[in-house]
Amino acid sequence: MPGLFQVKELEARKRALAAKSEIYRETLKFELRNIGFYAVYAKRRFLQARAFSPFVMLGLPAAGFFLRRMFTPKKQIKQRKRSSLARFLTKAVFVWKIYRKLAPFCRGLFSGAKKFSEAQEMRSSEMVGS
């Protein structure tokens, strides 16, 4: 009879392992679903930050300048004398960089306004024609 008890014991362990395996499988499905939700949330947050980042990127140089001036003792701030040509070139490069960053944004704004005004003109012409 010892062989019969061993078989029953092994069968009981097999059923317990199968039940544990099923629990782990369900837990894994649940965790994968959670990871999917977190991925969607992270993507949404990233896209929001990306829409906001051009304004932040434009403001960072100015913020750095003001923070540096605020925390640097006045004795350490030295004014370097630059020629008028160097100042002009610096300003020209700065304006060019700002233009390249803002031009697509402004085109998008004005093209939307143009479409809106064209749609209003079409509606008003339809009303007059009726």
N, C-alpha and C. Protein backbone atom coordinates (compact mmCIF):
# COMPACT_ATOMS: atom_id res chain seq x y z
N MET A 1 0.78 -1.20 0.00
CA MET A 1 0.00 0.00 0.00
C MET A 1 0.83 1.28 0.00
N PRO A 2 2.12 1.23 0.35
CA PRO A 2 2.89 2.46 0.34
C PRO A 2 2.92 3.09 -1.05
N GLY A 3 2.90 2.30 -2.12
CA GLY A 3 2.90 2.85 -3.47
C GLY A 3 1.63 3.63 -3.75
N LEU A 4 0.48 3.19 -3.22
CA LEU A 4 -0.80 3.87 -3.43
C LEU A 4 -0.81 5.24 -2.76
N PHE A 5 -0.26 5.30 -1.54
CA PHE A 5 -0.20 6.58 -0.83
C PHE A 5 0.72 7.57 -1.57
N GLN A 6 1.84 7.06 -2.10
CA GLN A 6 2.75 7.93 -2.85
C GLN A 6 2.09 8.47 -4.11
N VAL A 7 1.31 7.64 -4.79
CA VAL A 7 0.64 8.09 -6.00
C VAL A 7 -0.39 9.16 -5.66
N LYS A 8 -1.17 8.92 -4.59
CA LYS A 8 -2.17 9.92 -4.18
C LYS A 8 -1.49 11.23 -3.76
N GLU A 9 -0.37 11.11 -3.07
CA GLU A 9 0.37 12.30 -2.65
C GLU A 9 0.91 13.07 -3.86
N LEU A 10 1.43 12.35 -4.84
CA LEU A 10 1.94 12.99 -6.04
C LEU A 10 0.81 13.65 -6.83
N GLU A 11 -0.34 12.99 -6.89
CA GLU A 11 -1.49 13.57 -7.59
C GLU A 11 -1.98 14.83 -6.89
N ALA A 12 -1.96 14.82 -5.56
CA ALA A 12 -2.37 16.01 -4.80
C ALA A 12 -1.38 17.15 -5.05
N ARG A 13 -0.09 16.84 -5.07
CA ARG A 13 0.92 17.88 -5.35
C ARG A 13 0.77 18.41 -6.78
N LYS A 14 0.42 17.50 -7.71
CA LYS A 14 0.22 17.90 -9.10
C LYS A 14 -0.97 18.85 -9.21
N ARG A 15 -2.07 18.54 -8.52
CA ARG A 15 -3.24 19.43 -8.54
C ARG A 15 -2.91 20.79 -7.90
N ALA A 16 -2.15 20.75 -6.80
CA ALA A 16 -1.77 22.01 -6.14
C ALA A 16 -0.89 22.85 -7.05
N LEU A 17 0.06 22.22 -7.74
CA LEU A 17 0.92 22.95 -8.66
C LEU A 17 0.13 23.51 -9.84
N ALA A 18 -0.85 22.76 -10.34
CA ALA A 18 -1.68 23.23 -11.44
C ALA A 18 -2.51 24.44 -10.99
N ALA A 19 -3.04 24.38 -9.76
CA ALA A 19 -3.82 25.51 -9.23
C ALA A 19 -2.92 26.73 -9.06
N LYS A 20 -1.71 26.52 -8.54
CA LYS A 20 -0.75 27.63 -8.39
C LYS A 20 -0.41 28.22 -9.74
N SER A 21 -0.19 27.35 -10.71
CA SER A 21 0.15 27.80 -12.06
C SER A 21 -0.97 28.65 -12.63
N GLU A 22 -2.21 28.23 -12.43
CA GLU A 22 -3.36 29.00 -12.93
C GLU A 22 -3.44 30.37 -12.25
N ILE A 23 -3.17 30.41 -10.97
CA ILE A 23 -3.17 31.68 -10.23
C ILE A 23 -2.09 32.60 -10.79
N TYR A 24 -0.87 32.04 -11.01
CA TYR A 24 0.20 32.85 -11.56
C TYR A 24 -0.13 33.33 -12.98
N ARG A 25 -0.78 32.50 -13.78
CA ARG A 25 -1.15 32.87 -15.14
C ARG A 25 -2.14 34.05 -15.11
N GLU A 26 -3.14 33.96 -14.23
CA GLU A 26 -4.12 35.05 -14.12
C GLU A 26 -3.45 36.33 -13.60
N THR A 27 -2.54 36.19 -12.65
CA THR A 27 -1.81 37.35 -12.13
C THR A 27 -0.97 38.00 -13.23
N LEU A 28 -0.33 37.17 -14.04
CA LEU A 28 0.47 37.68 -15.15
C LEU A 28 -0.40 38.44 -16.15
N LYS A 29 -1.59 37.91 -16.47
CA LYS A 29 -2.51 38.62 -17.37
C LYS A 29 -2.90 39.98 -16.79
N PHE A 30 -3.19 39.99 -15.50
CA PHE A 30 -3.57 41.23 -14.83
C PHE A 30 -2.43 42.24 -14.87
N GLU A 31 -1.22 41.80 -14.61
CA GLU A 31 -0.06 42.70 -14.62
C GLU A 31 0.21 43.23 -16.03
N LEU A 32 0.06 42.38 -17.03
CA LEU A 32 0.26 42.84 -18.41
C LEU A 32 -0.78 43.89 -18.78
N ARG A 33 -2.02 43.69 -18.33
CA ARG A 33 -3.05 44.68 -18.57
C ARG A 33 -2.69 46.00 -17.89
N ASN A 34 -2.17 45.93 -16.67
CA ASN A 34 -1.74 47.14 -15.96
C ASN A 34 -0.60 47.84 -16.69
N ILE A 35 0.34 47.07 -17.21
CA ILE A 35 1.45 47.67 -17.96
C ILE A 35 0.91 48.39 -19.18
N GLY A 36 -0.08 47.80 -19.84
CA GLY A 36 -0.70 48.47 -21.00
C GLY A 36 -1.33 49.79 -20.61
N PHE A 37 -2.03 49.81 -19.48
CA PHE A 37 -2.65 51.05 -19.00
C PHE A 37 -1.59 52.10 -18.68
N TYR A 38 -0.51 51.67 -18.02
CA TYR A 38 0.56 52.61 -17.69
C TYR A 38 1.23 53.14 -18.96
N ALA A 39 1.36 52.29 -19.98
CA ALA A 39 1.98 52.74 -21.23
C ALA A 39 1.11 53.81 -21.89
N VAL A 40 -0.20 53.60 -21.89
CA VAL A 40 -1.11 54.60 -22.48
C VAL A 40 -1.02 55.90 -21.69
N TYR A 41 -1.00 55.79 -20.36
CA TYR A 41 -0.90 56.98 -19.50
C TYR A 41 0.41 57.72 -19.75
N ALA A 42 1.51 56.96 -19.83
CA ALA A 42 2.82 57.59 -20.05
C ALA A 42 2.87 58.26 -21.41
N LYS A 43 2.29 57.62 -22.42
CA LYS A 43 2.28 58.21 -23.76
C LYS A 43 1.49 59.51 -23.76
N ARG A 44 0.35 59.51 -23.08
CA ARG A 44 -0.47 60.72 -23.01
C ARG A 44 0.28 61.83 -22.30
N ARG A 45 0.95 61.51 -21.20
CA ARG A 45 1.71 62.52 -20.46
C ARG A 45 2.88 63.04 -21.30
N PHE A 46 3.53 62.14 -22.04
CA PHE A 46 4.66 62.55 -22.87
C PHE A 46 4.18 63.49 -23.97
N LEU A 47 3.06 63.18 -24.58
CA LEU A 47 2.55 64.04 -25.65
C LEU A 47 2.15 65.41 -25.10
N GLN A 48 1.62 65.45 -23.88
CA GLN A 48 1.29 66.74 -23.28
C GLN A 48 2.56 67.53 -23.02
N ALA A 49 3.60 66.87 -22.53
CA ALA A 49 4.86 67.57 -22.26
C ALA A 49 5.49 68.02 -23.57
N ARG A 50 5.35 67.22 -24.62
CA ARG A 50 5.92 67.60 -25.90
C ARG A 50 5.23 68.82 -26.48
N ALA A 51 3.93 68.94 -26.28
CA ALA A 51 3.21 70.11 -26.78
C ALA A 51 3.62 71.36 -26.00
N PHE A 52 3.98 71.18 -24.76
CA PHE A 52 4.35 72.29 -23.90
C PHE A 52 5.82 72.67 -24.06
N SER A 53 6.65 71.73 -24.50
CA SER A 53 8.10 71.94 -24.49
C SER A 53 8.61 73.08 -25.37
N PRO A 54 8.00 73.44 -26.51
CA PRO A 54 8.57 74.58 -27.26
C PRO A 54 8.58 75.86 -26.45
N PHE A 55 7.54 76.07 -25.65
CA PHE A 55 7.52 77.27 -24.82
C PHE A 55 8.56 77.19 -23.71
N VAL A 56 8.73 76.02 -23.15
CA VAL A 56 9.75 75.84 -22.12
C VAL A 56 11.14 76.04 -22.72
N MET A 57 11.35 75.47 -23.91
CA MET A 57 12.66 75.59 -24.55
C MET A 57 12.97 77.05 -24.89
N LEU A 58 11.95 77.83 -25.20
CA LEU A 58 12.20 79.25 -25.47
C LEU A 58 12.51 80.01 -24.18
N GLY A 59 11.92 79.59 -23.07
CA GLY A 59 12.11 80.31 -21.83
C GLY A 59 13.33 79.91 -21.04
N LEU A 60 13.92 78.76 -21.32
CA LEU A 60 15.08 78.31 -20.54
C LEU A 60 16.29 79.23 -20.62
N PRO A 61 16.66 79.73 -21.78
CA PRO A 61 17.82 80.64 -21.79
C PRO A 61 17.60 81.90 -20.95
N ALA A 62 16.40 82.45 -21.04
CA ALA A 62 16.11 83.65 -20.24
C ALA A 62 16.11 83.31 -18.75
N ALA A 63 15.55 82.16 -18.39
CA ALA A 63 15.54 81.76 -16.98
C ALA A 63 16.96 81.55 -16.47
N GLY A 64 17.81 80.92 -17.28
CA GLY A 64 19.20 80.71 -16.89
C GLY A 64 19.93 82.03 -16.69
N PHE A 65 19.67 82.97 -17.57
CA PHE A 65 20.30 84.28 -17.47
C PHE A 65 19.91 84.97 -16.16
N PHE A 66 18.60 84.98 -15.86
CA PHE A 66 18.13 85.66 -14.65
C PHE A 66 18.58 84.93 -13.38
N LEU A 67 18.58 83.60 -13.41
CA LEU A 67 19.05 82.87 -12.23
C LEU A 67 20.54 83.10 -11.99
N ARG A 68 21.31 83.12 -13.07
CA ARG A 68 22.74 83.37 -12.93
C ARG A 68 22.98 84.76 -12.34
N ARG A 69 22.25 85.74 -12.83
CA ARG A 69 22.41 87.11 -12.31
C ARG A 69 21.96 87.20 -10.87
N MET A 70 20.95 86.42 -10.51
CA MET A 70 20.40 86.50 -9.16
C MET A 70 21.36 85.90 -8.13
N PHE A 71 22.04 84.80 -8.49
CA PHE A 71 22.87 84.10 -7.52
C PHE A 71 24.36 84.40 -7.64
N THR A 72 24.77 85.20 -8.60
CA THR A 72 26.16 85.58 -8.75
C THR A 72 26.39 86.93 -8.07
N PRO A 73 27.39 87.01 -7.20
CA PRO A 73 27.67 88.31 -6.57
C PRO A 73 28.00 89.36 -7.62
N LYS A 74 27.62 90.59 -7.33
CA LYS A 74 27.80 91.69 -8.29
C LYS A 74 29.27 91.92 -8.63
N LYS A 75 30.18 91.60 -7.71
CA LYS A 75 31.60 91.81 -7.96
C LYS A 75 32.12 90.87 -9.05
N GLN A 76 31.50 89.67 -9.15
CA GLN A 76 31.98 88.69 -10.11
C GLN A 76 31.44 88.94 -11.52
N ILE A 77 30.38 89.70 -11.64
CA ILE A 77 29.80 89.98 -12.96
C ILE A 77 30.68 91.01 -13.65
N LYS A 78 31.30 90.58 -14.71
CA LYS A 78 32.18 91.48 -15.46
C LYS A 78 31.54 91.76 -16.80
N GLN A 79 31.54 92.97 -17.17
CA GLN A 79 31.01 93.36 -18.48
C GLN A 79 32.16 93.32 -19.48
N ARG A 80 32.02 92.44 -20.45
CA ARG A 80 33.04 92.39 -21.49
C ARG A 80 32.67 93.37 -22.58
N LYS A 81 33.64 94.06 -23.07
CA LYS A 81 33.42 95.00 -24.16
C LYS A 81 33.53 94.23 -25.48
N ARG A 82 32.48 94.31 -26.28
CA ARG A 82 32.51 93.67 -27.59
C ARG A 82 32.30 94.72 -28.65
N SER A 83 32.80 94.43 -29.79
CA SER A 83 32.64 95.38 -30.89
C SER A 83 31.18 95.39 -31.34
N SER A 84 30.81 96.43 -32.04
CA SER A 84 29.42 96.53 -32.51
C SER A 84 29.12 95.44 -33.52
N LEU A 85 30.10 95.01 -34.30
CA LEU A 85 29.90 93.93 -35.27
C LEU A 85 29.60 92.62 -34.54
N ALA A 86 30.33 92.34 -33.47
CA ALA A 86 30.10 91.11 -32.70
C ALA A 86 28.72 91.14 -32.06
N ARG A 87 28.31 92.30 -31.54
CA ARG A 87 26.96 92.40 -30.95
C ARG A 87 25.90 92.20 -32.01
N PHE A 88 26.11 92.78 -33.19
CA PHE A 88 25.14 92.63 -34.28
C PHE A 88 25.03 91.17 -34.70
N LEU A 89 26.16 90.48 -34.85
CA LEU A 89 26.14 89.08 -35.26
C LEU A 89 25.45 88.21 -34.21
N THR A 90 25.73 88.49 -32.96
CA THR A 90 25.09 87.74 -31.89
C THR A 90 23.58 87.91 -31.93
N LYS A 91 23.12 89.14 -32.09
CA LYS A 91 21.68 89.39 -32.18
C LYS A 91 21.07 88.75 -33.41
N ALA A 92 21.78 88.79 -34.52
CA ALA A 92 21.27 88.20 -35.76
C ALA A 92 21.10 86.69 -35.62
N VAL A 93 22.08 86.04 -35.02
CA VAL A 93 21.97 84.59 -34.81
C VAL A 93 20.83 84.27 -33.86
N PHE A 94 20.69 85.05 -32.80
CA PHE A 94 19.60 84.85 -31.84
C PHE A 94 18.24 85.01 -32.51
N VAL A 95 18.07 86.06 -33.30
CA VAL A 95 16.80 86.29 -34.00
C VAL A 95 16.53 85.17 -34.99
N TRP A 96 17.56 84.71 -35.69
CA TRP A 96 17.38 83.63 -36.66
C TRP A 96 16.92 82.35 -35.97
N LYS A 97 17.51 82.03 -34.82
CA LYS A 97 17.11 80.82 -34.08
C LYS A 97 15.67 80.93 -33.61
N ILE A 98 15.29 82.08 -33.10
CA ILE A 98 13.92 82.26 -32.65
C ILE A 98 12.95 82.16 -33.82
N TYR A 99 13.31 82.77 -34.93
CA TYR A 99 12.46 82.71 -36.13
C TYR A 99 12.25 81.26 -36.57
N ARG A 100 13.32 80.47 -36.58
CA ARG A 100 13.20 79.07 -37.02
C ARG A 100 12.33 78.26 -36.08
N LYS A 101 12.31 78.60 -34.79
CA LYS A 101 11.47 77.87 -33.84
C LYS A 101 10.02 78.33 -33.91
N LEU A 102 9.80 79.61 -34.11
CA LEU A 102 8.44 80.15 -34.05
C LEU A 102 7.71 80.16 -35.39
N ALA A 103 8.43 80.13 -36.50
CA ALA A 103 7.78 80.24 -37.81
C ALA A 103 6.75 79.15 -38.06
N PRO A 104 7.03 77.87 -37.81
CA PRO A 104 6.00 76.85 -38.05
C PRO A 104 4.78 77.05 -37.15
N PHE A 105 5.02 77.45 -35.94
CA PHE A 105 3.92 77.68 -35.00
C PHE A 105 3.03 78.83 -35.50
N CYS A 106 3.64 79.93 -35.93
CA CYS A 106 2.87 81.08 -36.42
C CYS A 106 2.14 80.74 -37.72
N ARG A 107 2.80 79.99 -38.61
CA ARG A 107 2.13 79.59 -39.85
C ARG A 107 0.90 78.77 -39.55
N GLY A 108 0.99 77.87 -38.59
CA GLY A 108 -0.17 77.05 -38.21
C GLY A 108 -1.29 77.90 -37.65
N LEU A 109 -0.93 78.90 -36.85
CA LEU A 109 -1.96 79.79 -36.30
C LEU A 109 -2.66 80.58 -37.39
N PHE A 110 -1.86 81.16 -38.27
CA PHE A 110 -2.44 82.03 -39.29
C PHE A 110 -3.16 81.25 -40.38
N SER A 111 -2.72 80.04 -40.68
CA SER A 111 -3.42 79.25 -41.69
C SER A 111 -4.79 78.85 -41.15
N GLY A 112 -4.88 78.55 -39.84
CA GLY A 112 -6.18 78.24 -39.24
C GLY A 112 -7.09 79.44 -39.27
N ALA A 113 -6.55 80.62 -39.02
CA ALA A 113 -7.36 81.83 -39.04
C ALA A 113 -7.81 82.12 -40.47
N LYS A 114 -6.96 81.85 -41.44
CA LYS A 114 -7.30 82.09 -42.84
C LYS A 114 -8.44 81.15 -43.26
N LYS A 115 -8.34 79.88 -42.89
CA LYS A 115 -9.39 78.92 -43.21
C LYS A 115 -10.71 79.33 -42.56
N PHE A 116 -10.63 79.80 -41.33
CA PHE A 116 -11.82 80.22 -40.61
C PHE A 116 -12.49 81.41 -41.31
N SER A 117 -11.67 82.40 -41.73
CA SER A 117 -12.25 83.57 -42.40
C SER A 117 -12.81 83.19 -43.77
N GLU A 118 -12.15 82.27 -44.47
CA GLU A 118 -12.69 81.82 -45.76
C GLU A 118 -14.02 81.10 -45.58
N ALA A 119 -14.14 80.29 -44.54
CA ALA A 119 -15.40 79.59 -44.27
C ALA A 119 -16.50 80.59 -43.95
N GLN A 120 -16.17 81.64 -43.19
CA GLN A 120 -17.17 82.66 -42.87
C GLN A 120 -17.60 83.40 -44.13
N GLU A 121 -16.65 83.70 -45.00
CA GLU A 121 -16.99 84.38 -46.26
C GLU A 121 -17.91 83.54 -47.12
N MET A 122 -17.63 82.23 -47.16
CA MET A 122 -18.48 81.32 -47.95
C MET A 122 -19.90 81.27 -47.37
N ARG A 123 -20.00 81.25 -46.04
CA ARG A 123 -21.33 81.22 -45.41
C ARG A 123 -22.09 82.50 -45.69
N SER A 124 -21.38 83.64 -45.61
CA SER A 124 -22.06 84.90 -45.84
C SER A 124 -22.49 85.04 -47.31
N SER A 125 -21.66 84.52 -48.23
CA SER A 125 -22.04 84.58 -49.64
C SER A 125 -23.21 83.65 -49.94
N GLU A 126 -23.29 82.52 -49.22
CA GLU A 126 -24.43 81.60 -49.40
C GLU A 126 -25.71 82.25 -48.88
N MET A 127 -25.61 82.98 -47.79
CA MET A 127 -26.79 83.65 -47.22
C MET A 127 -27.28 84.76 -48.14
N VAL A 128 -26.35 85.49 -48.73
CA VAL A 128 -26.71 86.57 -49.63
C VAL A 128 -27.31 85.99 -50.90
N GLY A 129 -26.77 84.89 -51.38
CA GLY A 129 -27.24 84.27 -52.60
C GLY A 129 -28.62 83.64 -52.44
N SER A 130 -29.01 83.29 -51.21
CA SER A 130 -30.30 82.62 -50.99
C SER A 130 -31.45 83.53 -51.04
